[in-house]
Amino acid sequence: ELGRFEDLSGVASAEVARIEDPLARADAYYELGLLHERHLEDPEKAIAMYRAAVDLAPGHPMAIDALDRLFTNSGTWRELVDLLKRAAGVTPDLARSASRYARAALIAEHRLDDLFEAIELTGKQLELEPNNLNAISSIGRLLEKTDRWEDRIKWLRREVELSEHEPEKLSILMSIGAIYETRLDAPSHARDVYLEVVSRDSQHRGALRALEQLDRRAGQSEELIETLRLQLASTPWSDAAAELYHRIGKIFEQRLGRTDEALEAYRAAISKDPGHRQAVDALIRLTSSLGLWQELSDLYETQAKLGDDPLVQARIWFRVGQ
């Protein structure tokens, strides 16, 4: 029976050469390829026939799929990627074309270990399917592996646009901020992104902490005060608010030398928590040095009334008397 199929192949090959219509001849070469692949078990000859079909009709779907199958079986990855790229470029079906670019990208990454070609191919897929989140995720992963952080940010921004869930948007924005901060050494850009997060969610603890850390490292006192005030807006607890006001007061007093604003901050601290020891001490120190005797007296009286140690209360009343 094998000899019969070989004879059939010879006759068919002679007949194919006489076919004038390129598409019909491509179909005939495809059928010859099937004959060599399935019945004559000659994959090399089958590949030659399928190639001939694709040369005549570059988008021939069945011949392309057959070559894909044989190249995969033989591990001929470079040729398979080239085939898929060529086929994707001529296929009128956009979804099929995008799928071929995606498959070629996976092979380039995992079989050829060529991340840059994988990025290029995934980019081609995204030109056809700009909203494909799987492709966006893939190109993002590849860009991270190749340290292409500016491009990574571009695609993260695209994810923000496409996401339908606000928590997910905020998480992506935090990733962008972290890239600016840790990968690109661009703290001002990172700060802008964290502020964008806070503008969307005023109580976002991660963004508020990141802003505070950035401002502290940069020694930016005015910006740090702004950040602490942002935290105040999202702090419902009096003791936490008192601590934030106290920290603001210290910056005004010790870094900026702005005593009046320091006084206001310390006063705000003890209005939230009259027992905040550090704010009280700071306010006592400033009012005493500035000769604000009435305020100092009132402050001592308040502390005496709040205290529960008779000895401490006695000392405070003594100071009030002085």
C-alpha atoms as a PDB file:
ATOM      1  CA  GLU A   1       0.000   0.000   0.000  1.00  0.00           C
ATOM      2  CA  LEU A   2       2.950   2.312   0.667  1.00  0.00           C
ATOM      3  CA  GLY A   3       4.069   1.855  -2.936  1.00  0.00           C
ATOM      4  CA  ARG A   4       0.585   2.790  -4.134  1.00  0.00           C
ATOM      5  CA  PHE A   5       0.721   6.050  -2.164  1.00  0.00           C
ATOM      6  CA  GLU A   6       4.209   6.770  -3.569  1.00  0.00           C
ATOM      7  CA  ASP A   7       2.913   6.289  -7.089  1.00  0.00           C
ATOM      8  CA  LEU A   8      -0.028   8.533  -6.277  1.00  0.00           C
ATOM      9  CA  SER A   9       2.362  11.168  -4.981  1.00  0.00           C
ATOM     10  CA  GLY A  10       4.389  11.110  -8.173  1.00  0.00           C
ATOM     11  CA  VAL A  11       1.311  11.468 -10.358  1.00  0.00           C
ATOM     12  CA  ALA A  12      -0.125  14.210  -8.183  1.00  0.00           C
ATOM     13  CA  SER A  13       3.138  16.167  -8.221  1.00  0.00           C
ATOM     14  CA  ALA A  14       3.153  16.117 -12.016  1.00  0.00           C
ATOM     15  CA  GLU A  15      -0.458  17.252 -12.117  1.00  0.00           C
ATOM     16  CA  VAL A  16       0.133  20.074  -9.623  1.00  0.00           C
ATOM     17  CA  ALA A  17       2.798  21.567 -11.875  1.00  0.00           C
ATOM     18  CA  ARG A  18       0.172  22.016 -14.608  1.00  0.00           C
ATOM     19  CA  ILE A  19      -2.258  24.004 -12.427  1.00  0.00           C
ATOM     20  CA  GLU A  20      -2.149  27.663 -13.432  1.00  0.00           C
ATOM     21  CA  ASP A  21      -4.291  29.257 -10.702  1.00  0.00           C
ATOM     22  CA  PRO A  22      -1.966  30.031  -7.721  1.00  0.00           C
ATOM     23  CA  LEU A  23      -4.619  29.432  -5.035  1.00  0.00           C
ATOM     24  CA  ALA A  24      -5.700  26.139  -6.610  1.00  0.00           C
ATOM     25  CA  ARG A  25      -2.063  25.068  -6.888  1.00  0.00           C
ATOM     26  CA  ALA A  26      -1.514  26.020  -3.228  1.00  0.00           C
ATOM     27  CA  ASP A  27      -4.466  23.802  -2.251  1.00  0.00           C
ATOM     28  CA  ALA A  28      -2.984  20.986  -4.286  1.00  0.00           C
ATOM     29  CA  TYR A  29       0.397  21.325  -2.583  1.00  0.00           C
ATOM     30  CA  TYR A  30      -1.396  21.239   0.742  1.00  0.00           C
ATOM     31  CA  GLU A  31      -3.105  17.961  -0.193  1.00  0.00           C
ATOM     32  CA  LEU A  32       0.257  16.566  -1.261  1.00  0.00           C
ATOM     33  CA  GLY A  33       1.651  17.599   2.098  1.00  0.00           C
ATOM     34  CA  LEU A  34      -1.090  15.653   3.861  1.00  0.00           C
ATOM     35  CA  LEU A  35      -0.297  12.631   1.715  1.00  0.00           C
ATOM     36  CA  HIS A  36       3.390  12.713   2.693  1.00  0.00           C
ATOM     37  CA  GLU A  37       2.639  13.414   6.331  1.00  0.00           C
ATOM     38  CA  ARG A  38      -0.140  10.901   6.998  1.00  0.00           C
ATOM     39  CA  HIS A  39       0.409   8.075   4.566  1.00  0.00           C
ATOM     40  CA  LEU A  40       4.051   8.185   3.514  1.00  0.00           C
ATOM     41  CA  GLU A  41       5.251   9.276   6.974  1.00  0.00           C
ATOM     42  CA  ASP A  42       7.757  11.626   5.400  1.00  0.00           C
ATOM     43  CA  PRO A  43       7.594  14.862   7.469  1.00  0.00           C
ATOM     44  CA  GLU A  44      10.441  16.526   5.576  1.00  0.00           C
ATOM     45  CA  LYS A  45       8.693  16.068   2.240  1.00  0.00           C
ATOM     46  CA  ALA A  46       5.412  17.133   3.857  1.00  0.00           C
ATOM     47  CA  ILE A  47       7.059  20.335   5.101  1.00  0.00           C
ATOM     48  CA  ALA A  48       8.357  21.026   1.578  1.00  0.00           C
ATOM     49  CA  MET A  49       4.835  20.674   0.167  1.00  0.00           C
ATOM     50  CA  TYR A  50       3.256  22.854   2.840  1.00  0.00           C
ATOM     51  CA  ARG A  51       5.977  25.455   2.284  1.00  0.00           C
ATOM     52  CA  ALA A  52       5.185  25.455  -1.420  1.00  0.00           C
ATOM     53  CA  ALA A  53       1.528  26.082  -0.557  1.00  0.00           C
ATOM     54  CA  VAL A  54       2.418  28.993   1.723  1.00  0.00           C
ATOM     55  CA  ASP A  55       4.783  30.463  -0.877  1.00  0.00           C
ATOM     56  CA  LEU A  56       1.879  30.624  -3.298  1.00  0.00           C
ATOM     57  CA  ALA A  57      -0.727  31.689  -0.734  1.00  0.00           C
ATOM     58  CA  PRO A  58       1.039  33.236   2.317  1.00  0.00           C
ATOM     59  CA  GLY A  59      -2.162  33.243   4.358  1.00  0.00           C
ATOM     60  CA  HIS A  60      -3.174  29.626   3.576  1.00  0.00           C
ATOM     61  CA  PRO A  61      -4.616  28.687   6.994  1.00  0.00           C
ATOM     62  CA  MET A  62      -4.489  24.900   6.677  1.00  0.00           C
ATOM     63  CA  ALA A  63      -0.930  24.822   5.358  1.00  0.00           C
ATOM     64  CA  ILE A  64       0.174  27.216   8.110  1.00  0.00           C
ATOM     65  CA  ASP A  65      -1.473  25.069  10.781  1.00  0.00           C
ATOM     66  CA  ALA A  66       0.163  21.967   9.318  1.00  0.00           C
ATOM     67  CA  LEU A  67       3.614  23.585   9.367  1.00  0.00           C
ATOM     68  CA  ASP A  68       2.945  24.786  12.917  1.00  0.00           C
ATOM     69  CA  ARG A  69       2.202  21.179  13.909  1.00  0.00           C
ATOM     70  CA  LEU A  70       5.304  19.737  12.245  1.00  0.00           C
ATOM     71  CA  PHE A  71       7.679  22.462  13.406  1.00  0.00           C
ATOM     72  CA  THR A  72       6.362  22.011  16.950  1.00  0.00           C
ATOM     73  CA  ASN A  73       6.875  18.241  16.781  1.00  0.00           C
ATOM     74  CA  SER A  74      10.444  18.673  15.555  1.00  0.00           C
ATOM     75  CA  GLY A  75      11.282  21.637  17.813  1.00  0.00           C
ATOM     76  CA  THR A  76      12.102  23.838  14.833  1.00  0.00           C
ATOM     77  CA  TRP A  77      11.272  26.964  16.796  1.00  0.00           C
ATOM     78  CA  ARG A  78      13.075  29.632  14.783  1.00  0.00           C
ATOM     79  CA  GLU A  79      11.327  28.592  11.585  1.00  0.00           C
ATOM     80  CA  LEU A  80       8.006  28.406  13.398  1.00  0.00           C
ATOM     81  CA  VAL A  81       8.315  31.952  14.730  1.00  0.00           C
ATOM     82  CA  ASP A  82       9.220  33.237  11.259  1.00  0.00           C
ATOM     83  CA  LEU A  83       6.252  31.387   9.782  1.00  0.00           C
ATOM     84  CA  LEU A  84       3.803  32.765  12.350  1.00  0.00           C
ATOM     85  CA  LYS A  85       5.113  36.314  11.914  1.00  0.00           C
ATOM     86  CA  ARG A  86       4.741  36.095   8.156  1.00  0.00           C
ATOM     87  CA  ALA A  87       1.294  34.547   8.391  1.00  0.00           C
ATOM     88  CA  ALA A  88       0.084  37.099  10.948  1.00  0.00           C
ATOM     89  CA  GLY A  89       1.119  39.902   8.623  1.00  0.00           C
ATOM     90  CA  VAL A  90      -1.028  38.692   5.734  1.00  0.00           C
ATOM     91  CA  THR A  91      -4.010  37.124   7.503  1.00  0.00           C
ATOM     92  CA  PRO A  92      -7.166  39.218   6.925  1.00  0.00           C
ATOM     93  CA  ASP A  93      -8.816  37.851  10.073  1.00  0.00           C
ATOM     94  CA  LEU A  94      -7.565  40.237  12.781  1.00  0.00           C
ATOM     95  CA  ALA A  95      -8.345  37.878  15.646  1.00  0.00           C
ATOM     96  CA  ARG A  96      -6.413  35.034  13.990  1.00  0.00           C
ATOM     97  CA  SER A  97      -3.555  37.381  13.160  1.00  0.00           C
ATOM     98  CA  ALA A  98      -3.374  38.566  16.783  1.00  0.00           C
ATOM     99  CA  SER A  99      -3.446  34.947  17.966  1.00  0.00           C
ATOM    100  CA  ARG A 100      -0.483  34.098  15.751  1.00  0.00           C
ATOM    101  CA  TYR A 101       1.531  37.029  17.054  1.00  0.00           C
ATOM    102  CA  ALA A 102       0.717  35.889  20.595  1.00  0.00           C
ATOM    103  CA  ARG A 103       1.848  32.314  19.901  1.00  0.00           C
ATOM    104  CA  ALA A 104       5.016  33.533  18.201  1.00  0.00           C
ATOM    105  CA  ALA A 105       5.762  35.737  21.224  1.00  0.00           C
ATOM    106  CA  LEU A 106       5.420  32.800  23.622  1.00  0.00           C
ATOM    107  CA  ILE A 107       7.776  30.694  21.515  1.00  0.00           C
ATOM    108  CA  ALA A 108      10.283  33.537  21.255  1.00  0.00           C
ATOM    109  CA  GLU A 109      10.255  33.925  25.023  1.00  0.00           C
ATOM    110  CA  HIS A 110      10.201  30.328  26.203  1.00  0.00           C
ATOM    111  CA  ARG A 111      11.912  28.423  23.353  1.00  0.00           C
ATOM    112  CA  LEU A 112      14.302  30.955  21.837  1.00  0.00           C
ATOM    113  CA  ASP A 113      14.940  32.895  25.047  1.00  0.00           C
ATOM    114  CA  ASP A 114      14.611  36.097  23.037  1.00  0.00           C
ATOM    115  CA  LEU A 115      12.750  38.523  25.272  1.00  0.00           C
ATOM    116  CA  PHE A 116      13.205  41.462  22.933  1.00  0.00           C
ATOM    117  CA  GLU A 117      11.586  39.653  20.015  1.00  0.00           C
ATOM    118  CA  ALA A 118       8.814  38.516  22.370  1.00  0.00           C
ATOM    119  CA  ILE A 119       8.208  42.166  23.299  1.00  0.00           C
ATOM    120  CA  GLU A 120       8.113  43.155  19.622  1.00  0.00           C
ATOM    121  CA  LEU A 121       5.638  40.401  18.781  1.00  0.00           C
ATOM    122  CA  THR A 122       3.376  41.141  21.735  1.00  0.00           C
ATOM    123  CA  GLY A 123       3.440  44.772  20.659  1.00  0.00           C
ATOM    124  CA  LYS A 124       2.233  43.667  17.218  1.00  0.00           C
ATOM    125  CA  GLN A 125      -0.588  41.757  18.903  1.00  0.00           C
ATOM    126  CA  LEU A 126      -1.558  44.846  20.884  1.00  0.00           C
ATOM    127  CA  GLU A 127      -1.685  46.943  17.730  1.00  0.00           C
ATOM    128  CA  LEU A 128      -4.529  44.658  16.680  1.00  0.00           C
ATOM    129  CA  GLU A 129      -6.038  44.172  20.140  1.00  0.00           C
ATOM    130  CA  PRO A 130      -5.215  47.294  22.190  1.00  0.00           C
ATOM    131  CA  ASN A 131      -7.600  46.300  24.988  1.00  0.00           C
ATOM    132  CA  ASN A 132      -6.361  42.749  25.460  1.00  0.00           C
ATOM    133  CA  LEU A 133      -5.500  42.654  29.160  1.00  0.00           C
ATOM    134  CA  ASN A 134      -3.689  39.315  28.892  1.00  0.00           C
ATOM    135  CA  ALA A 135      -1.397  40.741  26.233  1.00  0.00           C
ATOM    136  CA  ILE A 136      -0.866  43.909  28.278  1.00  0.00           C
ATOM    137  CA  SER A 137       0.046  41.784  31.283  1.00  0.00           C
ATOM    138  CA  SER A 138       2.453  39.725  29.156  1.00  0.00           C
ATOM    139  CA  ILE A 139       4.244  42.724  27.703  1.00  0.00           C
ATOM    140  CA  GLY A 140       4.466  44.237  31.169  1.00  0.00           C
ATOM    141  CA  ARG A 141       6.142  41.120  32.525  1.00  0.00           C
ATOM    142  CA  LEU A 142       8.587  41.095  29.607  1.00  0.00           C
ATOM    143  CA  LEU A 143       9.408  44.779  30.024  1.00  0.00           C
ATOM    144  CA  GLU A 144      10.181  44.199  33.691  1.00  0.00           C
ATOM    145  CA  LYS A 145      12.538  41.345  32.790  1.00  0.00           C
ATOM    146  CA  THR A 146      14.417  43.631  30.403  1.00  0.00           C
ATOM    147  CA  ASP A 147      14.429  46.662  32.756  1.00  0.00           C
ATOM    148  CA  ARG A 148      12.444  48.796  30.331  1.00  0.00           C
ATOM    149  CA  TRP A 149      10.691  50.696  33.087  1.00  0.00           C
ATOM    150  CA  GLU A 150       9.477  53.732  31.143  1.00  0.00           C
ATOM    151  CA  ASP A 151       7.686  51.439  28.699  1.00  0.00           C
ATOM    152  CA  ARG A 152       6.378  49.412  31.628  1.00  0.00           C
ATOM    153  CA  ILE A 153       4.777  52.534  33.061  1.00  0.00           C
ATOM    154  CA  LYS A 154       3.095  53.265  29.729  1.00  0.00           C
ATOM    155  CA  TRP A 155       1.362  49.897  29.743  1.00  0.00           C
ATOM    156  CA  LEU A 156       0.483  50.146  33.434  1.00  0.00           C
ATOM    157  CA  ARG A 157      -1.262  53.422  32.609  1.00  0.00           C
ATOM    158  CA  ARG A 158      -3.167  51.535  29.927  1.00  0.00           C
ATOM    159  CA  GLU A 159      -4.230  48.985  32.548  1.00  0.00           C
ATOM    160  CA  VAL A 160      -5.524  51.819  34.726  1.00  0.00           C
ATOM    161  CA  GLU A 161      -7.622  53.054  31.799  1.00  0.00           C
ATOM    162  CA  LEU A 162      -9.070  49.615  31.102  1.00  0.00           C
ATOM    163  CA  SER A 163      -9.706  48.492  34.668  1.00  0.00           C
ATOM    164  CA  GLU A 164     -13.310  48.719  35.819  1.00  0.00           C
ATOM    165  CA  HIS A 165     -12.555  48.454  39.541  1.00  0.00           C
ATOM    166  CA  GLU A 166     -11.270  51.397  41.555  1.00  0.00           C
ATOM    167  CA  PRO A 167      -9.220  49.329  44.059  1.00  0.00           C
ATOM    168  CA  GLU A 168      -7.426  47.697  41.132  1.00  0.00           C
ATOM    169  CA  LYS A 169      -6.749  51.093  39.552  1.00  0.00           C
ATOM    170  CA  LEU A 170      -5.241  52.331  42.819  1.00  0.00           C
ATOM    171  CA  SER A 171      -3.078  49.228  43.152  1.00  0.00           C
ATOM    172  CA  ILE A 172      -1.712  49.748  39.633  1.00  0.00           C
ATOM    173  CA  LEU A 173      -1.022  53.415  40.344  1.00  0.00           C
ATOM    174  CA  MET A 174       0.897  52.412  43.478  1.00  0.00           C
ATOM    175  CA  SER A 175       3.009  50.113  41.293  1.00  0.00           C
ATOM    176  CA  ILE A 176       3.742  53.020  38.967  1.00  0.00           C
ATOM    177  CA  GLY A 177       4.788  55.156  41.928  1.00  0.00           C
ATOM    178  CA  ALA A 178       7.080  52.396  43.184  1.00  0.00           C
ATOM    179  CA  ILE A 179       8.755  52.106  39.768  1.00  0.00           C
ATOM    180  CA  TYR A 180       9.432  55.839  39.684  1.00  0.00           C
ATOM    181  CA  GLU A 181      10.736  55.701  43.240  1.00  0.00           C
ATOM    182  CA  THR A 182      12.849  52.539  43.241  1.00  0.00           C
ATOM    183  CA  ARG A 183      13.696  51.841  39.585  1.00  0.00           C
ATOM    184  CA  LEU A 184      13.956  55.230  37.911  1.00  0.00           C
ATOM    185  CA  ASP A 185      15.130  57.288  40.899  1.00  0.00           C
ATOM    186  CA  ALA A 186      12.484  59.883  40.105  1.00  0.00           C
ATOM    187  CA  PRO A 187      10.994  60.820  43.499  1.00  0.00           C
ATOM    188  CA  SER A 188       9.134  63.868  42.177  1.00  0.00           C
ATOM    189  CA  HIS A 189       7.291  61.701  39.630  1.00  0.00           C
ATOM    190  CA  ALA A 190       6.625  59.110  42.326  1.00  0.00           C
ATOM    191  CA  ARG A 191       5.203  61.812  44.582  1.00  0.00           C
ATOM    192  CA  ASP A 192       2.865  62.990  41.822  1.00  0.00           C
ATOM    193  CA  VAL A 193       1.537  59.460  41.372  1.00  0.00           C
ATOM    194  CA  TYR A 194       1.021  58.917  45.106  1.00  0.00           C
ATOM    195  CA  LEU A 195      -0.833  62.229  45.259  1.00  0.00           C
ATOM    196  CA  GLU A 196      -2.984  61.004  42.388  1.00  0.00           C
ATOM    197  CA  VAL A 197      -3.870  57.963  44.493  1.00  0.00           C
ATOM    198  CA  VAL A 198      -4.765  60.175  47.472  1.00  0.00           C
ATOM    199  CA  SER A 199      -6.907  62.379  45.216  1.00  0.00           C
ATOM    200  CA  ARG A 200      -8.912  59.241  44.381  1.00  0.00           C
ATOM    201  CA  ASP A 201      -8.920  57.859  47.925  1.00  0.00           C
ATOM    202  CA  SER A 202      -8.049  60.340  50.658  1.00  0.00           C
ATOM    203  CA  GLN A 203      -7.646  57.519  53.205  1.00  0.00           C
ATOM    204  CA  HIS A 204      -5.269  55.342  51.179  1.00  0.00           C
ATOM    205  CA  ARG A 205      -2.756  54.430  53.865  1.00  0.00           C
ATOM    206  CA  GLY A 206      -0.165  53.032  51.475  1.00  0.00           C
ATOM    207  CA  ALA A 207       0.014  56.214  49.415  1.00  0.00           C
ATOM    208  CA  LEU A 208       0.093  58.422  52.514  1.00  0.00           C
ATOM    209  CA  ARG A 209       2.941  56.401  54.021  1.00  0.00           C
ATOM    210  CA  ALA A 210       4.843  56.464  50.736  1.00  0.00           C
ATOM    211  CA  LEU A 211       4.468  60.245  50.516  1.00  0.00           C
ATOM    212  CA  GLU A 212       5.720  60.700  54.056  1.00  0.00           C
ATOM    213  CA  GLN A 213       8.751  58.470  53.463  1.00  0.00           C
ATOM    214  CA  LEU A 214       9.590  60.298  50.238  1.00  0.00           C
ATOM    215  CA  ASP A 215       9.373  63.710  51.866  1.00  0.00           C
ATOM    216  CA  ARG A 216      11.443  62.640  54.866  1.00  0.00           C
ATOM    217  CA  ARG A 217      14.210  61.197  52.711  1.00  0.00           C
ATOM    218  CA  ALA A 218      14.261  64.307  50.539  1.00  0.00           C
ATOM    219  CA  GLY A 219      14.276  66.625  53.552  1.00  0.00           C
ATOM    220  CA  GLN A 220      11.388  68.557  52.057  1.00  0.00           C
ATOM    221  CA  SER A 221       9.807  70.180  55.091  1.00  0.00           C
ATOM    222  CA  GLU A 222       6.988  72.025  53.342  1.00  0.00           C
ATOM    223  CA  GLU A 223       6.000  68.912  51.393  1.00  0.00           C
ATOM    224  CA  LEU A 224       6.179  66.788  54.539  1.00  0.00           C
ATOM    225  CA  ILE A 225       3.808  69.178  56.319  1.00  0.00           C
ATOM    226  CA  GLU A 226       1.433  68.931  53.366  1.00  0.00           C
ATOM    227  CA  THR A 227       1.591  65.132  53.571  1.00  0.00           C
ATOM    228  CA  LEU A 228       0.933  65.102  57.319  1.00  0.00           C
ATOM    229  CA  ARG A 229      -2.065  67.357  56.760  1.00  0.00           C
ATOM    230  CA  LEU A 230      -3.346  64.909  54.165  1.00  0.00           C
ATOM    231  CA  GLN A 231      -3.088  62.215  56.827  1.00  0.00           C
ATOM    232  CA  LEU A 232      -5.015  64.451  59.234  1.00  0.00           C
ATOM    233  CA  ALA A 233      -7.884  64.610  56.768  1.00  0.00           C
ATOM    234  CA  SER A 234      -8.216  60.834  56.932  1.00  0.00           C
ATOM    235  CA  THR A 235      -7.589  60.340  60.666  1.00  0.00           C
ATOM    236  CA  PRO A 236     -10.775  59.913  62.723  1.00  0.00           C
ATOM    237  CA  TRP A 237      -8.987  59.240  66.036  1.00  0.00           C
ATOM    238  CA  SER A 238      -8.183  62.164  68.325  1.00  0.00           C
ATOM    239  CA  ASP A 239      -4.949  60.703  69.711  1.00  0.00           C
ATOM    240  CA  ALA A 240      -3.625  60.001  66.199  1.00  0.00           C
ATOM    241  CA  ALA A 241      -4.598  63.493  65.061  1.00  0.00           C
ATOM    242  CA  ALA A 242      -2.840  64.979  68.110  1.00  0.00           C
ATOM    243  CA  GLU A 243       0.346  63.138  67.217  1.00  0.00           C
ATOM    244  CA  LEU A 244       0.190  64.404  63.623  1.00  0.00           C
ATOM    245  CA  TYR A 245      -0.308  67.999  64.809  1.00  0.00           C
ATOM    246  CA  HIS A 246       2.621  67.591  67.188  1.00  0.00           C
ATOM    247  CA  ARG A 247       4.853  66.391  64.334  1.00  0.00           C
ATOM    248  CA  ILE A 248       3.749  69.329  62.195  1.00  0.00           C
ATOM    249  CA  GLY A 249       4.573  71.685  65.060  1.00  0.00           C
ATOM    250  CA  LYS A 250       8.057  70.209  65.440  1.00  0.00           C
ATOM    251  CA  ILE A 251       8.786  70.758  61.736  1.00  0.00           C
ATOM    252  CA  PHE A 252       7.632  74.365  61.905  1.00  0.00           C
ATOM    253  CA  GLU A 253       9.645  74.969  65.065  1.00  0.00           C
ATOM    254  CA  GLN A 254      12.834  73.001  64.500  1.00  0.00           C
ATOM    255  CA  ARG A 255      13.288  72.950  60.729  1.00  0.00           C
ATOM    256  CA  LEU A 256      11.583  76.079  59.481  1.00  0.00           C
ATOM    257  CA  GLY A 257      11.903  78.353  62.530  1.00  0.00           C
ATOM    258  CA  ARG A 258       8.289  79.472  62.158  1.00  0.00           C
ATOM    259  CA  THR A 259       7.242  79.805  65.767  1.00  0.00           C
ATOM    260  CA  ASP A 260       3.730  81.152  65.232  1.00  0.00           C
ATOM    261  CA  GLU A 261       2.753  78.203  63.034  1.00  0.00           C
ATOM    262  CA  ALA A 262       4.420  75.817  65.472  1.00  0.00           C
ATOM    263  CA  LEU A 263       2.287  77.278  68.266  1.00  0.00           C
ATOM    264  CA  GLU A 264      -0.866  76.783  66.226  1.00  0.00           C
ATOM    265  CA  ALA A 265       0.020  73.164  65.546  1.00  0.00           C
ATOM    266  CA  TYR A 266       0.810  72.409  69.207  1.00  0.00           C
ATOM    267  CA  ARG A 267      -2.442  74.082  70.271  1.00  0.00           C
ATOM    268  CA  ALA A 268      -4.327  71.936  67.772  1.00  0.00           C
ATOM    269  CA  ALA A 269      -2.605  68.857  69.176  1.00  0.00           C
ATOM    270  CA  ILE A 270      -3.748  69.447  72.746  1.00  0.00           C
ATOM    271  CA  SER A 271      -7.233  70.416  71.549  1.00  0.00           C
ATOM    272  CA  LYS A 272      -7.440  66.872  70.177  1.00  0.00           C
ATOM    273  CA  ASP A 273      -5.710  65.246  73.127  1.00  0.00           C
ATOM    274  CA  PRO A 274      -5.130  67.483  76.179  1.00  0.00           C
ATOM    275  CA  GLY A 275      -2.917  64.818  77.675  1.00  0.00           C
ATOM    276  CA  HIS A 276      -0.449  64.629  74.778  1.00  0.00           C
ATOM    277  CA  ARG A 277       2.694  65.059  76.855  1.00  0.00           C
ATOM    278  CA  GLN A 278       5.113  66.086  74.108  1.00  0.00           C
ATOM    279  CA  ALA A 279       2.756  68.695  72.652  1.00  0.00           C
ATOM    280  CA  VAL A 280       2.080  70.094  76.124  1.00  0.00           C
ATOM    281  CA  ASP A 281       5.787  70.329  76.893  1.00  0.00           C
ATOM    282  CA  ALA A 282       6.481  72.019  73.565  1.00  0.00           C
ATOM    283  CA  LEU A 283       3.681  74.510  74.114  1.00  0.00           C
ATOM    284  CA  ILE A 284       4.860  75.265  77.653  1.00  0.00           C
ATOM    285  CA  ARG A 285       8.373  75.847  76.373  1.00  0.00           C
ATOM    286  CA  LEU A 286       7.269  78.203  73.576  1.00  0.00           C
ATOM    287  CA  THR A 287       4.715  80.203  75.566  1.00  0.00           C
ATOM    288  CA  SER A 288       7.270  80.661  78.340  1.00  0.00           C
ATOM    289  CA  SER A 289      10.010  81.806  75.964  1.00  0.00           C
ATOM    290  CA  LEU A 290       7.644  84.180  74.198  1.00  0.00           C
ATOM    291  CA  GLY A 291       6.206  85.621  77.426  1.00  0.00           C
ATOM    292  CA  LEU A 292       2.664  84.430  76.718  1.00  0.00           C
ATOM    293  CA  TRP A 293       1.942  84.285  80.448  1.00  0.00           C
ATOM    294  CA  GLN A 294      -1.839  84.048  80.342  1.00  0.00           C
ATOM    295  CA  GLU A 295      -1.750  81.159  77.924  1.00  0.00           C
ATOM    296  CA  LEU A 296       0.969  79.507  79.975  1.00  0.00           C
ATOM    297  CA  SER A 297      -1.141  79.917  83.132  1.00  0.00           C
ATOM    298  CA  ASP A 298      -4.197  78.461  81.399  1.00  0.00           C
ATOM    299  CA  LEU A 299      -2.117  75.578  80.143  1.00  0.00           C
ATOM    300  CA  TYR A 300      -0.832  74.776  83.631  1.00  0.00           C
ATOM    301  CA  GLU A 301      -4.338  74.946  85.072  1.00  0.00           C
ATOM    302  CA  THR A 302      -5.656  72.538  82.482  1.00  0.00           C
ATOM    303  CA  GLN A 303      -2.820  70.111  83.194  1.00  0.00           C
ATOM    304  CA  ALA A 304      -3.435  70.362  86.959  1.00  0.00           C
ATOM    305  CA  LYS A 305      -7.103  69.495  86.511  1.00  0.00           C
ATOM    306  CA  LEU A 306      -6.272  66.526  84.276  1.00  0.00           C
ATOM    307  CA  GLY A 307      -3.652  65.089  86.619  1.00  0.00           C
ATOM    308  CA  ASP A 308      -4.388  62.432  89.245  1.00  0.00           C
ATOM    309  CA  ASP A 309      -1.110  62.596  91.178  1.00  0.00           C
ATOM    310  CA  PRO A 310      -1.501  65.068  94.100  1.00  0.00           C
ATOM    311  CA  LEU A 311       2.237  65.797  94.186  1.00  0.00           C
ATOM    312  CA  VAL A 312       2.352  66.595  90.478  1.00  0.00           C
ATOM    313  CA  GLN A 313      -0.796  68.701  90.789  1.00  0.00           C
ATOM    314  CA  ALA A 314       0.765  70.652  93.648  1.00  0.00           C
ATOM    315  CA  ARG A 315       3.849  71.408  91.588  1.00  0.00           C
ATOM    316  CA  ILE A 316       1.725  72.615  88.686  1.00  0.00           C
ATOM    317  CA  TRP A 317      -0.348  74.901  90.898  1.00  0.00           C
ATOM    318  CA  PHE A 318       2.882  76.283  92.314  1.00  0.00           C
ATOM    319  CA  ARG A 319       3.989  77.180  88.812  1.00  0.00           C
ATOM    320  CA  VAL A 320       0.638  78.822  88.117  1.00  0.00           C
ATOM    321  CA  GLY A 321       1.121  80.894  91.248  1.00  0.00           C
ATOM    322  CA  GLN A 322       4.584  81.937  90.126  1.00  0.00           C
END
